[in-house]
PDB file of all heavy atoms in Angstrom:
ATOM      1  N   ALA A   1       7.917  10.520 -25.297  1.00  0.00           N
ATOM      2  CA  ALA A   1       6.625  11.065 -24.883  1.00  0.00           C
ATOM      3  C   ALA A   1       6.857  12.018 -23.719  1.00  0.00           C
ATOM      4  O   ALA A   1       7.761  11.813 -22.897  1.00  0.00           O
ATOM      5  CB  ALA A   1       5.692   9.936 -24.466  1.00  0.00           C
ATOM      6  N   ASP A   2       6.035  13.059 -23.623  1.00  0.00           N
ATOM      7  CA  ASP A   2       6.311  14.115 -22.646  1.00  0.00           C
ATOM      8  C   ASP A   2       6.087  13.696 -21.202  1.00  0.00           C
ATOM      9  O   ASP A   2       6.529  14.389 -20.279  1.00  0.00           O
ATOM     10  CB  ASP A   2       5.499  15.376 -22.969  1.00  0.00           C
ATOM     11  CG  ASP A   2       3.992  15.131 -22.978  1.00  0.00           C
ATOM     12  OD1 ASP A   2       3.542  14.033 -22.584  1.00  0.00           O
ATOM     13  OD2 ASP A   2       3.255  16.057 -23.387  1.00  0.00           O
ATOM     14  N   PHE A   3       5.422  12.563 -20.959  1.00  0.00           N
ATOM     15  CA  PHE A   3       5.231  12.100 -19.586  1.00  0.00           C
ATOM     16  C   PHE A   3       6.400  11.252 -19.088  1.00  0.00           C
ATOM     17  O   PHE A   3       6.452  10.884 -17.918  1.00  0.00           O
ATOM     18  CB  PHE A   3       3.931  11.307 -19.460  1.00  0.00           C
ATOM     19  CG  PHE A   3       3.744  10.236 -20.501  1.00  0.00           C
ATOM     20  CD1 PHE A   3       4.519   9.085 -20.505  1.00  0.00           C
ATOM     21  CD2 PHE A   3       2.776  10.386 -21.490  1.00  0.00           C
ATOM     22  CE1 PHE A   3       4.350   8.102 -21.465  1.00  0.00           C
ATOM     23  CE2 PHE A   3       2.599   9.404 -22.459  1.00  0.00           C
ATOM     24  CZ  PHE A   3       3.391   8.261 -22.446  1.00  0.00           C
ATOM     25  N   SER A   4       7.345  10.925 -19.945  1.00  0.00           N
ATOM     26  CA  SER A   4       8.452  10.048 -19.575  1.00  0.00           C
ATOM     27  C   SER A   4       9.335  10.688 -18.511  1.00  0.00           C
ATOM     28  O   SER A   4       9.695  11.868 -18.609  1.00  0.00           O
ATOM     29  CB  SER A   4       9.299   9.722 -20.805  1.00  0.00           C
ATOM     30  OG  SER A   4       8.546   9.047 -21.789  1.00  0.00           O
ATOM     31  N   VAL A   5       9.709   9.902 -17.520  1.00  0.00           N
ATOM     32  CA  VAL A   5      10.619  10.399 -16.496  1.00  0.00           C
ATOM     33  C   VAL A   5      12.003  10.573 -17.106  1.00  0.00           C
ATOM     34  O   VAL A   5      12.414   9.797 -17.977  1.00  0.00           O
ATOM     35  CB  VAL A   5      10.659   9.430 -15.292  1.00  0.00           C
ATOM     36  CG1 VAL A   5      11.307   8.098 -15.660  1.00  0.00           C
ATOM     37  CG2 VAL A   5      11.354  10.060 -14.100  1.00  0.00           C
ATOM     38  N   THR A   6      12.722  11.608 -16.710  1.00  0.00           N
ATOM     39  CA  THR A   6      14.071  11.829 -17.218  1.00  0.00           C
ATOM     40  C   THR A   6      15.072  11.050 -16.372  1.00  0.00           C
ATOM     41  O   THR A   6      14.795  10.718 -15.210  1.00  0.00           O
ATOM     42  CB  THR A   6      14.439  13.318 -17.182  1.00  0.00           C
ATOM     43  OG1 THR A   6      14.510  13.745 -15.818  1.00  0.00           O
ATOM     44  CG2 THR A   6      13.404  14.156 -17.934  1.00  0.00           C
ATOM     45  N   PRO A   7      16.247  10.747 -16.917  1.00  0.00           N
ATOM     46  CA  PRO A   7      17.252  10.028 -16.130  1.00  0.00           C
ATOM     47  C   PRO A   7      17.615  10.754 -14.837  1.00  0.00           C
ATOM     48  O   PRO A   7      17.755  10.127 -13.772  1.00  0.00           O
ATOM     49  CB  PRO A   7      18.446   9.940 -17.085  1.00  0.00           C
ATOM     50  CG  PRO A   7      17.848  10.015 -18.451  1.00  0.00           C
ATOM     51  CD  PRO A   7      16.685  10.936 -18.326  1.00  0.00           C
ATOM     52  N   GLY A   8      17.770  12.072 -14.915  1.00  0.00           N
ATOM     53  CA  GLY A   8      18.122  12.828 -13.725  1.00  0.00           C
ATOM     54  C   GLY A   8      17.046  12.779 -12.660  1.00  0.00           C
ATOM     55  O   GLY A   8      17.339  12.594 -11.466  1.00  0.00           O
ATOM     56  N   LEU A   9      15.791  12.962 -13.077  1.00  0.00           N
ATOM     57  CA  LEU A   9      14.684  12.896 -12.121  1.00  0.00           C
ATOM     58  C   LEU A   9      14.581  11.511 -11.490  1.00  0.00           C
ATOM     59  O   LEU A   9      14.322  11.381 -10.293  1.00  0.00           O
ATOM     60  CB  LEU A   9      13.369  13.251 -12.812  1.00  0.00           C
ATOM     61  CG  LEU A   9      13.053  14.734 -12.991  1.00  0.00           C
ATOM     62  CD1 LEU A   9      11.773  14.897 -13.804  1.00  0.00           C
ATOM     63  CD2 LEU A   9      12.910  15.423 -11.640  1.00  0.00           C
ATOM     64  N   TRP A  10      14.770  10.476 -12.292  1.00  0.00           N
ATOM     65  CA  TRP A  10      14.688   9.105 -11.785  1.00  0.00           C
ATOM     66  C   TRP A  10      15.759   8.869 -10.720  1.00  0.00           C
ATOM     67  O   TRP A  10      15.481   8.304  -9.655  1.00  0.00           O
ATOM     68  CB  TRP A  10      14.821   8.129 -12.937  1.00  0.00           C
ATOM     69  CG  TRP A  10      14.776   6.668 -12.591  1.00  0.00           C
ATOM     70  CD1 TRP A  10      15.713   5.732 -12.927  1.00  0.00           C
ATOM     71  CD2 TRP A  10      13.754   5.952 -11.894  1.00  0.00           C
ATOM     72  NE1 TRP A  10      15.342   4.484 -12.481  1.00  0.00           N
ATOM     73  CE2 TRP A  10      14.138   4.590 -11.842  1.00  0.00           C
ATOM     74  CE3 TRP A  10      12.549   6.326 -11.302  1.00  0.00           C
ATOM     75  CZ2 TRP A  10      13.374   3.610 -11.221  1.00  0.00           C
ATOM     76  CZ3 TRP A  10      11.774   5.351 -10.674  1.00  0.00           C
ATOM     77  CH2 TRP A  10      12.187   4.009 -10.633  1.00  0.00           C
ATOM     78  N   GLY A  11      16.970   9.315 -10.981  1.00  0.00           N
ATOM     79  CA  GLY A  11      18.031   9.155 -10.002  1.00  0.00           C
ATOM     80  C   GLY A  11      17.762   9.936  -8.727  1.00  0.00           C
ATOM     81  O   GLY A  11      17.935   9.419  -7.616  1.00  0.00           O
ATOM     82  N   ASP A  12      17.330  11.193  -8.883  1.00  0.00           N
ATOM     83  CA  ASP A  12      17.010  12.013  -7.710  1.00  0.00           C
ATOM     84  C   ASP A  12      15.893  11.373  -6.890  1.00  0.00           C
ATOM     85  O   ASP A  12      15.949  11.341  -5.650  1.00  0.00           O
ATOM     86  CB  ASP A  12      16.579  13.413  -8.149  1.00  0.00           C
ATOM     87  CG  ASP A  12      17.720  14.228  -8.739  1.00  0.00           C
ATOM     88  OD1 ASP A  12      18.892  13.815  -8.577  1.00  0.00           O
ATOM     89  OD2 ASP A  12      17.435  15.268  -9.366  1.00  0.00           O
ATOM     90  N   PHE A  13      14.866  10.905  -7.575  1.00  0.00           N
ATOM     91  CA  PHE A  13      13.724  10.277  -6.909  1.00  0.00           C
ATOM     92  C   PHE A  13      14.165   9.060  -6.095  1.00  0.00           C
ATOM     93  O   PHE A  13      13.834   8.928  -4.912  1.00  0.00           O
ATOM     94  CB  PHE A  13      12.690   9.879  -7.964  1.00  0.00           C
ATOM     95  CG  PHE A  13      11.549   9.067  -7.435  1.00  0.00           C
ATOM     96  CD1 PHE A  13      10.415   9.676  -6.919  1.00  0.00           C
ATOM     97  CD2 PHE A  13      11.588   7.672  -7.470  1.00  0.00           C
ATOM     98  CE1 PHE A  13       9.360   8.927  -6.428  1.00  0.00           C
ATOM     99  CE2 PHE A  13      10.540   6.916  -6.979  1.00  0.00           C
ATOM    100  CZ  PHE A  13       9.420   7.545  -6.461  1.00  0.00           C
ATOM    101  N   LEU A  14      14.925   8.167  -6.727  1.00  0.00           N
ATOM    102  CA  LEU A  14      15.348   6.952  -6.039  1.00  0.00           C
ATOM    103  C   LEU A  14      16.228   7.263  -4.833  1.00  0.00           C
ATOM    104  O   LEU A  14      16.061   6.665  -3.754  1.00  0.00           O
ATOM    105  CB  LEU A  14      16.093   6.029  -7.004  1.00  0.00           C
ATOM    106  CG  LEU A  14      15.263   5.349  -8.093  1.00  0.00           C
ATOM    107  CD1 LEU A  14      16.161   4.512  -8.991  1.00  0.00           C
ATOM    108  CD2 LEU A  14      14.166   4.480  -7.489  1.00  0.00           C
ATOM    109  N   CYS A  15      17.136   8.187  -4.987  1.00  0.00           N
ATOM    110  CA  CYS A  15      18.039   8.520  -3.879  1.00  0.00           C
ATOM    111  C   CYS A  15      17.278   9.111  -2.703  1.00  0.00           C
ATOM    112  O   CYS A  15      17.551   8.778  -1.539  1.00  0.00           O
ATOM    113  CB  CYS A  15      19.123   9.484  -4.351  1.00  0.00           C
ATOM    114  SG  CYS A  15      20.329   8.740  -5.477  1.00  0.00           S
ATOM    115  N   ARG A  16      16.335   9.977  -2.992  1.00  0.00           N
ATOM    116  CA  ARG A  16      15.582  10.605  -1.903  1.00  0.00           C
ATOM    117  C   ARG A  16      14.699   9.589  -1.184  1.00  0.00           C
ATOM    118  O   ARG A  16      14.661   9.547   0.057  1.00  0.00           O
ATOM    119  CB  ARG A  16      14.738  11.765  -2.437  1.00  0.00           C
ATOM    120  CG  ARG A  16      13.910  12.469  -1.366  1.00  0.00           C
ATOM    121  CD  ARG A  16      14.779  12.961  -0.225  1.00  0.00           C
ATOM    122  NE  ARG A  16      13.972  13.501   0.870  1.00  0.00           N
ATOM    123  CZ  ARG A  16      14.440  13.712   2.097  1.00  0.00           C
ATOM    124  NH1 ARG A  16      15.705  13.424   2.386  1.00  0.00           N
ATOM    125  NH2 ARG A  16      13.644  14.202   3.026  1.00  0.00           N
ATOM    126  N   VAL A  17      13.978   8.770  -1.934  1.00  0.00           N
ATOM    127  CA  VAL A  17      13.130   7.759  -1.297  1.00  0.00           C
ATOM    128  C   VAL A  17      13.992   6.760  -0.531  1.00  0.00           C
ATOM    129  O   VAL A  17      13.648   6.341   0.583  1.00  0.00           O
ATOM    130  CB  VAL A  17      12.247   7.049  -2.334  1.00  0.00           C
ATOM    131  CG1 VAL A  17      11.484   5.895  -1.692  1.00  0.00           C
ATOM    132  CG2 VAL A  17      11.254   8.032  -2.963  1.00  0.00           C
ATOM    133  N   PHE A  18      15.132   6.386  -1.108  1.00  0.00           N
ATOM    134  CA  PHE A  18      16.027   5.459  -0.416  1.00  0.00           C
ATOM    135  C   PHE A  18      16.498   6.039   0.910  1.00  0.00           C
ATOM    136  O   PHE A  18      16.539   5.324   1.930  1.00  0.00           O
ATOM    137  CB  PHE A  18      17.230   5.123  -1.294  1.00  0.00           C
ATOM    138  CG  PHE A  18      18.194   4.174  -0.649  1.00  0.00           C
ATOM    139  CD1 PHE A  18      17.951   2.805  -0.666  1.00  0.00           C
ATOM    140  CD2 PHE A  18      19.336   4.646  -0.006  1.00  0.00           C
ATOM    141  CE1 PHE A  18      18.837   1.913  -0.049  1.00  0.00           C
ATOM    142  CE2 PHE A  18      20.219   3.771   0.605  1.00  0.00           C
ATOM    143  CZ  PHE A  18      19.974   2.405   0.585  1.00  0.00           C
ATOM    144  N   ASP A  19      16.851   7.318   0.939  1.00  0.00           N
ATOM    145  CA  ASP A  19      17.292   7.946   2.180  1.00  0.00           C
ATOM    146  C   ASP A  19      16.213   7.873   3.254  1.00  0.00           C
ATOM    147  O   ASP A  19      16.508   7.652   4.438  1.00  0.00           O
ATOM    148  CB  ASP A  19      17.684   9.398   1.927  1.00  0.00           C
ATOM    149  CG  ASP A  19      19.017   9.531   1.205  1.00  0.00           C
ATOM    150  OD1 ASP A  19      19.759   8.523   1.129  1.00  0.00           O
ATOM    151  OD2 ASP A  19      19.310  10.630   0.707  1.00  0.00           O
ATOM    152  N   ARG A  20      14.978   8.077   2.854  1.00  0.00           N
ATOM    153  CA  ARG A  20      13.871   7.964   3.810  1.00  0.00           C
ATOM    154  C   ARG A  20      13.745   6.525   4.311  1.00  0.00           C
ATOM    155  O   ARG A  20      13.589   6.269   5.510  1.00  0.00           O
ATOM    156  CB  ARG A  20      12.567   8.400   3.127  1.00  0.00           C
ATOM    157  CG  ARG A  20      12.514   9.859   2.700  1.00  0.00           C
ATOM    158  CD  ARG A  20      12.231  10.763   3.908  1.00  0.00           C
ATOM    159  NE  ARG A  20      11.035  10.312   4.619  1.00  0.00           N
ATOM    160  CZ  ARG A  20       9.780  10.621   4.261  1.00  0.00           C
ATOM    161  NH1 ARG A  20       9.556  11.362   3.184  1.00  0.00           N
ATOM    162  NH2 ARG A  20       8.759  10.205   4.977  1.00  0.00           N
ATOM    163  N   TRP A  21      13.802   5.604   3.393  1.00  0.00           N
ATOM    164  CA  TRP A  21      13.594   4.184   3.708  1.00  0.00           C
ATOM    165  C   TRP A  21      14.712   3.626   4.574  1.00  0.00           C
ATOM    166  O   TRP A  21      14.465   2.945   5.569  1.00  0.00           O
ATOM    167  CB  TRP A  21      13.480   3.408   2.396  1.00  0.00           C
ATOM    168  CG  TRP A  21      13.379   1.926   2.531  1.00  0.00           C
ATOM    169  CD1 TRP A  21      12.245   1.213   2.839  1.00  0.00           C
ATOM    170  CD2 TRP A  21      14.422   0.970   2.328  1.00  0.00           C
ATOM    171  NE1 TRP A  21      12.532  -0.131   2.847  1.00  0.00           N
ATOM    172  CE2 TRP A  21      13.862  -0.310   2.534  1.00  0.00           C
ATOM    173  CE3 TRP A  21      15.776   1.075   1.985  1.00  0.00           C
ATOM    174  CZ2 TRP A  21      14.611  -1.478   2.425  1.00  0.00           C
ATOM    175  CZ3 TRP A  21      16.527  -0.092   1.873  1.00  0.00           C
ATOM    176  CH2 TRP A  21      15.941  -1.346   2.094  1.00  0.00           C
ATOM    177  N   VAL A  22      15.961   3.915   4.231  1.00  0.00           N
ATOM    178  CA  VAL A  22      17.099   3.284   4.906  1.00  0.00           C
ATOM    179  C   VAL A  22      17.272   3.807   6.326  1.00  0.00           C
ATOM    180  O   VAL A  22      17.899   3.148   7.160  1.00  0.00           O
ATOM    181  CB  VAL A  22      18.388   3.470   4.077  1.00  0.00           C
ATOM    182  CG1 VAL A  22      18.998   4.871   4.276  1.00  0.00           C
ATOM    183  CG2 VAL A  22      19.407   2.387   4.412  1.00  0.00           C
ATOM    184  N   ARG A  23      16.705   4.960   6.628  1.00  0.00           N
ATOM    185  CA  ARG A  23      16.814   5.528   7.966  1.00  0.00           C
ATOM    186  C   ARG A  23      15.726   5.049   8.916  1.00  0.00           C
ATOM    187  O   ARG A  23      15.918   5.079  10.142  1.00  0.00           O
ATOM    188  CB  ARG A  23      16.790   7.055   7.906  1.00  0.00           C
ATOM    189  CG  ARG A  23      18.080   7.664   7.402  1.00  0.00           C
ATOM    190  CD  ARG A  23      17.947   9.162   7.151  1.00  0.00           C
ATOM    191  NE  ARG A  23      19.245   9.795   6.883  1.00  0.00           N
ATOM    192  CZ  ARG A  23      19.881   9.724   5.719  1.00  0.00           C
ATOM    193  NH1 ARG A  23      19.343   9.060   4.714  1.00  0.00           N
ATOM    194  NH2 ARG A  23      21.057  10.315   5.570  1.00  0.00           N
ATOM    195  N   ALA A  24      14.596   4.596   8.384  1.00  0.00           N
ATOM    196  CA  ALA A  24      13.481   4.311   9.287  1.00  0.00           C
ATOM    197  C   ALA A  24      12.637   3.096   8.945  1.00  0.00           C
ATOM    198  O   ALA A  24      11.919   2.595   9.815  1.00  0.00           O
ATOM    199  CB  ALA A  24      12.561   5.541   9.348  1.00  0.00           C
ATOM    200  N   ASP A  25      12.707   2.580   7.707  1.00  0.00           N
ATOM    201  CA  ASP A  25      11.681   1.627   7.275  1.00  0.00           C
ATOM    202  C   ASP A  25      12.192   0.270   6.803  1.00  0.00           C
ATOM    203  O   ASP A  25      11.401  -0.557   6.329  1.00  0.00           O
ATOM    204  CB  ASP A  25      10.866   2.253   6.134  1.00  0.00           C
ATOM    205  CG  ASP A  25      10.030   3.436   6.596  1.00  0.00           C
ATOM    206  OD1 ASP A  25       9.714   3.488   7.807  1.00  0.00           O
ATOM    207  OD2 ASP A  25       9.703   4.305   5.771  1.00  0.00           O
ATOM    208  N   VAL A  26      13.473  -0.009   6.931  1.00  0.00           N
ATOM    209  CA  VAL A  26      14.007  -1.295   6.480  1.00  0.00           C
ATOM    210  C   VAL A  26      13.411  -2.413   7.338  1.00  0.00           C
ATOM    211  O   VAL A  26      13.437  -2.361   8.561  1.00  0.00           O
ATOM    212  CB  VAL A  26      15.545  -1.327   6.574  1.00  0.00           C
ATOM    213  CG1 VAL A  26      16.076  -2.683   6.108  1.00  0.00           C
ATOM    214  CG2 VAL A  26      16.155  -0.195   5.761  1.00  0.00           C
ATOM    215  N   GLY A  27      12.855  -3.410   6.674  1.00  0.00           N
ATOM    216  CA  GLY A  27      12.227  -4.514   7.374  1.00  0.00           C
ATOM    217  C   GLY A  27      10.773  -4.288   7.710  1.00  0.00           C
ATOM    218  O   GLY A  27      10.083  -5.206   8.173  1.00  0.00           O
ATOM    219  N   THR A  28      10.296  -3.066   7.459  1.00  0.00           N
ATOM    220  CA  THR A  28       8.885  -2.732   7.727  1.00  0.00           C
ATOM    221  C   THR A  28       8.148  -2.414   6.436  1.00  0.00           C
ATOM    222  O   THR A  28       7.030  -2.879   6.211  1.00  0.00           O
ATOM    223  CB  THR A  28       8.784  -1.536   8.689  1.00  0.00           C
ATOM    224  OG1 THR A  28       9.515  -1.819   9.880  1.00  0.00           O
ATOM    225  CG2 THR A  28       7.323  -1.273   9.050  1.00  0.00           C
ATOM    226  N   TYR A  29       8.786  -1.608   5.596  1.00  0.00           N
ATOM    227  CA  TYR A  29       8.256  -1.311   4.268  1.00  0.00           C
ATOM    228  C   TYR A  29       9.214  -1.905   3.242  1.00  0.00           C
ATOM    229  O   TYR A  29      10.439  -1.814   3.393  1.00  0.00           O
ATOM    230  CB  TYR A  29       8.111   0.201   4.055  1.00  0.00           C
ATOM    231  CG  TYR A  29       6.994   0.796   4.872  1.00  0.00           C
ATOM    232  CD1 TYR A  29       7.214   1.200   6.195  1.00  0.00           C
ATOM    233  CD2 TYR A  29       5.715   0.949   4.349  1.00  0.00           C
ATOM    234  CE1 TYR A  29       6.194   1.735   6.966  1.00  0.00           C
ATOM    235  CE2 TYR A  29       4.684   1.479   5.109  1.00  0.00           C
ATOM    236  CZ  TYR A  29       4.929   1.868   6.422  1.00  0.00           C
ATOM    237  OH  TYR A  29       3.912   2.390   7.172  1.00  0.00           O
ATOM    238  N   PHE A  30       8.648  -2.501   2.198  1.00  0.00           N
ATOM    239  CA  PHE A  30       9.450  -3.224   1.223  1.00  0.00           C
ATOM    240  C   PHE A  30       9.256  -2.587  -0.151  1.00  0.00           C
ATOM    241  O   PHE A  30       8.157  -2.614  -0.714  1.00  0.00           O
ATOM    242  CB  PHE A  30       9.054  -4.706   1.207  1.00  0.00           C
ATOM    243  CG  PHE A  30       9.271  -5.372   2.539  1.00  0.00           C
ATOM    244  CD1 PHE A  30       8.275  -5.358   3.509  1.00  0.00           C
ATOM    245  CD2 PHE A  30      10.483  -5.988   2.827  1.00  0.00           C
ATOM    246  CE1 PHE A  30       8.474  -5.951   4.749  1.00  0.00           C
ATOM    247  CE2 PHE A  30      10.701  -6.579   4.063  1.00  0.00           C
ATOM    248  CZ  PHE A  30       9.693  -6.566   5.025  1.00  0.00           C
ATOM    249  N   VAL A  31      10.328  -1.989  -0.644  1.00  0.00           N
ATOM    250  CA  VAL A  31      10.327  -1.354  -1.960  1.00  0.00           C
ATOM    251  C   VAL A  31      11.031  -2.309  -2.917  1.00  0.00           C
ATOM    252  O   VAL A  31      12.211  -2.632  -2.729  1.00  0.00           O
ATOM    253  CB  VAL A  31      11.040   0.009  -1.920  1.00  0.00           C
ATOM    254  CG1 VAL A  31      11.056   0.641  -3.309  1.00  0.00           C
ATOM    255  CG2 VAL A  31      10.353   0.937  -0.915  1.00  0.00           C
ATOM    256  N   GLN A  32      10.322  -2.771  -3.920  1.00  0.00           N
ATOM    257  CA  GLN A  32      10.820  -3.846  -4.769  1.00  0.00           C
ATOM    258  C   GLN A  32      12.201  -3.562  -5.345  1.00  0.00           C
ATOM    259  O   GLN A  32      13.084  -4.423  -5.334  1.00  0.00           O
ATOM    260  CB  GLN A  32       9.829  -4.118  -5.905  1.00  0.00           C
ATOM    261  CG  GLN A  32      10.215  -5.304  -6.781  1.00  0.00           C
ATOM    262  CD  GLN A  32       9.340  -5.407  -8.016  1.00  0.00           C
ATOM    263  OE1 GLN A  32       9.285  -4.497  -8.839  1.00  0.00           O
ATOM    264  NE2 GLN A  32       8.633  -6.518  -8.132  1.00  0.00           N
ATOM    265  N   LEU A  33      12.419  -2.357  -5.832  1.00  0.00           N
ATOM    266  CA  LEU A  33      13.703  -2.041  -6.449  1.00  0.00           C
ATOM    267  C   LEU A  33      14.840  -2.092  -5.433  1.00  0.00           C
ATOM    268  O   LEU A  33      15.946  -2.542  -5.739  1.00  0.00           O
ATOM    269  CB  LEU A  33      13.641  -0.670  -7.114  1.00  0.00           C
ATOM    270  CG  LEU A  33      14.925  -0.206  -7.805  1.00  0.00           C
ATOM    271  CD1 LEU A  33      15.362  -1.189  -8.891  1.00  0.00           C
ATOM    272  CD2 LEU A  33      14.754   1.185  -8.398  1.00  0.00           C
ATOM    273  N   PHE A  34      14.585  -1.644  -4.221  1.00  0.00           N
ATOM    274  CA  PHE A  34      15.621  -1.688  -3.187  1.00  0.00           C
ATOM    275  C   PHE A  34      15.918  -3.139  -2.802  1.00  0.00           C
ATOM    276  O   PHE A  34      17.081  -3.520  -2.633  1.00  0.00           O
ATOM    277  CB  PHE A  34      15.192  -0.896  -1.962  1.00  0.00           C
ATOM    278  CG  PHE A  34      14.898   0.560  -2.229  1.00  0.00           C
ATOM    279  CD1 PHE A  34      14.183   1.321  -1.308  1.00  0.00           C
ATOM    280  CD2 PHE A  34      15.323   1.183  -3.390  1.00  0.00           C
ATOM    281  CE1 PHE A  34      13.913   2.655  -1.537  1.00  0.00           C
ATOM    282  CE2 PHE A  34      15.056   2.526  -3.640  1.00  0.00           C
ATOM    283  CZ  PHE A  34      14.338   3.262  -2.711  1.00  0.00           C
ATOM    284  N   ASP A  35      14.882  -3.937  -2.669  1.00  0.00           N
ATOM    285  CA  ASP A  35      15.078  -5.353  -2.338  1.00  0.00           C
ATOM    286  C   ASP A  35      15.831  -6.078  -3.445  1.00  0.00           C
ATOM    287  O   ASP A  35      16.703  -6.911  -3.176  1.00  0.00           O
ATOM    288  CB  ASP A  35      13.726  -6.036  -2.100  1.00  0.00           C
ATOM    289  CG  ASP A  35      13.048  -5.583  -0.815  1.00  0.00           C
ATOM    290  OD1 ASP A  35      13.727  -4.954   0.015  1.00  0.00           O
ATOM    291  OD2 ASP A  35      11.847  -5.854  -0.652  1.00  0.00           O
ATOM    292  N   ALA A  36      15.482  -5.778  -4.698  1.00  0.00           N
ATOM    293  CA  ALA A  36      16.143  -6.436  -5.831  1.00  0.00           C
ATOM    294  C   ALA A  36      17.608  -6.020  -5.931  1.00  0.00           C
ATOM    295  O   ALA A  36      18.481  -6.833  -6.250  1.00  0.00           O
ATOM    296  CB  ALA A  36      15.412  -6.098  -7.132  1.00  0.00           C
ATOM    297  N   THR A  37      17.884  -4.747  -5.668  1.00  0.00           N
ATOM    298  CA  THR A  37      19.265  -4.275  -5.673  1.00  0.00           C
ATOM    299  C   THR A  37      20.077  -4.986  -4.601  1.00  0.00           C
ATOM    300  O   THR A  37      21.206  -5.453  -4.849  1.00  0.00           O
ATOM    301  CB  THR A  37      19.308  -2.753  -5.452  1.00  0.00           C
ATOM    302  OG1 THR A  37      18.564  -2.095  -6.484  1.00  0.00           O
ATOM    303  CG2 THR A  37      20.734  -2.243  -5.459  1.00  0.00           C
ATOM    304  N   LEU A  38      19.511  -5.101  -3.410  1.00  0.00           N
ATOM    305  CA  LEU A  38      20.197  -5.807  -2.327  1.00  0.00           C
ATOM    306  C   LEU A  38      20.424  -7.271  -2.694  1.00  0.00           C
ATOM    307  O   LEU A  38      21.495  -7.833  -2.414  1.00  0.00           O
ATOM    308  CB  LEU A  38      19.393  -5.694  -1.034  1.00  0.00           C
ATOM    309  CG  LEU A  38      19.963  -6.428   0.183  1.00  0.00           C
ATOM    310  CD1 LEU A  38      21.381  -5.964   0.512  1.00  0.00           C
ATOM    311  CD2 LEU A  38      19.039  -6.242   1.388  1.00  0.00           C
TER     312      LEU A  38
END
């Protein structure tokens, strides 16, 4: 379906959000996928 996220976009998205989170928000904001990965 044309709304489906592509593998490349998904990876880029996760890496960018993770960079924001790991620099300033660990222990304050909880992103389920990051917590599950840890």
